[in-house]
Amino acid sequence: MAVGSKDLAPAELDTFEDERLLDELRRAKEELFNLRFQAATGQLDSHGRLRSIKRDIARIYTVIRERELGIRATPAPIEKPAKKTTKKAAKAEEPEATEESA
């Protein structure tokens, strides 16, 4: 496996939906900003983390672009189980028809 976060392995990125990929990208960019800020102020402990975050960002961008081009398949959305409705609940959801005279 390449250097980077253990939770953002390329095989795992394939299973993420587009919305989750964008969320991971946003978090990685925030962390990169914080690490750069720490480096500028001399408070950074591990300089290797900068490199791994940059690689994670590049991996995410690669997956997003490959999905746009159709090279990599987008995972099928997970269907949520349908709620069981009782007769009482179904009746409450129906809109009541009102007769209006014109």
Protein backbone atom coordinates (compact mmCIF):
# COMPACT_ATOMS: atom_id res chain seq x y z
CA MET A 1 0.00 0.00 0.00
CA ALA A 2 1.17 3.49 -0.74
CA VAL A 3 2.03 5.96 1.97
CA GLY A 4 -0.97 7.79 3.34
CA SER A 5 -3.86 7.36 5.68
CA LYS A 6 -4.78 3.81 6.46
CA ASP A 7 -8.47 4.69 6.27
CA LEU A 8 -8.19 6.17 2.75
CA ALA A 9 -6.78 3.19 0.86
CA PRO A 10 -7.52 3.25 -2.88
CA ALA A 11 -9.63 0.09 -2.59
CA GLU A 12 -11.73 1.71 0.11
CA LEU A 13 -12.22 4.91 -1.89
CA ASP A 14 -13.99 2.80 -4.53
CA THR A 15 -16.74 2.00 -2.05
CA PHE A 16 -17.42 5.63 -1.11
CA GLU A 17 -20.35 7.47 -2.68
CA ASP A 18 -19.71 10.82 -4.34
CA GLU A 19 -21.01 12.80 -1.38
CA ARG A 20 -18.74 10.96 1.04
CA LEU A 21 -15.75 11.48 -1.28
CA LEU A 22 -16.37 15.22 -1.28
CA ASP A 23 -16.69 15.18 2.51
CA GLU A 24 -13.36 13.33 2.85
CA LEU A 25 -11.78 15.81 0.43
CA ARG A 26 -13.01 18.74 2.51
CA ARG A 27 -11.66 17.19 5.72
CA ALA A 28 -8.29 16.42 4.13
CA LYS A 29 -7.96 19.99 2.85
CA GLU A 30 -8.78 21.35 6.30
CA GLU A 31 -6.15 19.11 7.85
CA LEU A 32 -3.59 20.17 5.24
CA PHE A 33 -4.32 23.81 6.02
CA ASN A 34 -3.83 23.18 9.73
CA LEU A 35 -0.60 21.28 9.13
CA ARG A 36 0.76 24.05 6.92
CA PHE A 37 -0.13 26.58 9.59
CA GLN A 38 1.70 24.50 12.20
CA ALA A 39 4.73 24.21 9.92
CA ALA A 40 4.82 27.98 9.42
CA THR A 41 4.73 28.63 13.16
CA GLY A 42 7.26 25.90 13.97
CA GLN A 43 4.82 23.70 15.88
CA LEU A 44 4.67 20.78 13.40
CA ASP A 45 5.80 17.48 14.91
CA SER A 46 5.63 15.11 11.94
CA HIS A 47 6.51 16.50 8.54
CA GLY A 48 5.63 13.19 6.89
CA ARG A 49 1.97 13.82 7.67
CA LEU A 50 1.99 16.75 5.21
CA ARG A 51 3.09 14.43 2.44
CA SER A 52 0.54 11.75 3.28
CA ILE A 53 -2.35 14.24 3.36
CA LYS A 54 -1.32 15.63 -0.03
CA ARG A 55 -1.32 12.10 -1.43
CA ASP A 56 -4.74 11.41 0.07
CA ILE A 57 -6.10 14.53 -1.61
CA ALA A 58 -4.58 13.44 -4.92
CA ARG A 59 -6.13 9.97 -4.55
CA ILE A 60 -9.56 11.45 -3.93
CA TYR A 61 -9.27 13.77 -6.92
CA THR A 62 -8.18 10.81 -9.06
CA VAL A 63 -11.19 8.72 -8.04
CA ILE A 64 -13.56 11.63 -8.70
CA ARG A 65 -12.07 12.27 -12.15
CA GLU A 66 -12.05 8.59 -13.11
CA ARG A 67 -15.74 8.38 -12.21
CA GLU A 68 -16.47 11.42 -14.39
CA LEU A 69 -14.68 9.76 -17.31
CA GLY A 70 -16.37 6.40 -16.72
CA ILE A 71 -13.11 4.60 -16.00
CA ARG A 72 -14.09 3.73 -12.44
CA ALA A 73 -17.59 2.59 -11.55
CA THR A 74 -19.67 4.54 -9.08
CA PRO A 75 -20.95 2.30 -6.27
CA ALA A 76 -24.64 1.48 -6.33
CA PRO A 77 -26.59 3.53 -3.80
CA ILE A 78 -27.69 1.59 -0.75
CA GLU A 79 -31.45 1.37 -0.56
CA LYS A 80 -32.99 2.15 2.76
CA PRO A 81 -35.57 -0.36 3.97
CA ALA A 82 -39.12 0.81 3.47
CA LYS A 83 -40.99 1.83 6.57
CA LYS A 84 -43.89 -0.32 7.58
CA THR A 85 -47.00 1.78 7.74
CA THR A 86 -50.11 0.97 9.63
CA LYS A 87 -53.56 1.78 8.35
CA LYS A 88 -53.81 4.61 10.85
CA ALA A 89 -50.51 6.17 9.74
CA ALA A 90 -51.34 5.74 6.05
CA LYS A 91 -54.69 7.44 6.54
CA ALA A 92 -53.05 10.37 8.34
CA GLU A 93 -50.62 10.89 5.44
CA GLU A 94 -53.37 11.11 2.82
CA PRO A 95 -54.30 14.69 1.98
CA GLU A 96 -57.85 15.51 2.77
CA ALA A 97 -59.91 16.59 -0.19
CA THR A 98 -62.01 19.68 0.37
CA GLU A 99 -64.79 20.71 -1.89
CA GLU A 100 -64.75 24.32 -2.91
CA SER A 101 -67.70 25.92 -4.61
CA ALA A 102 -66.98 28.62 -7.09
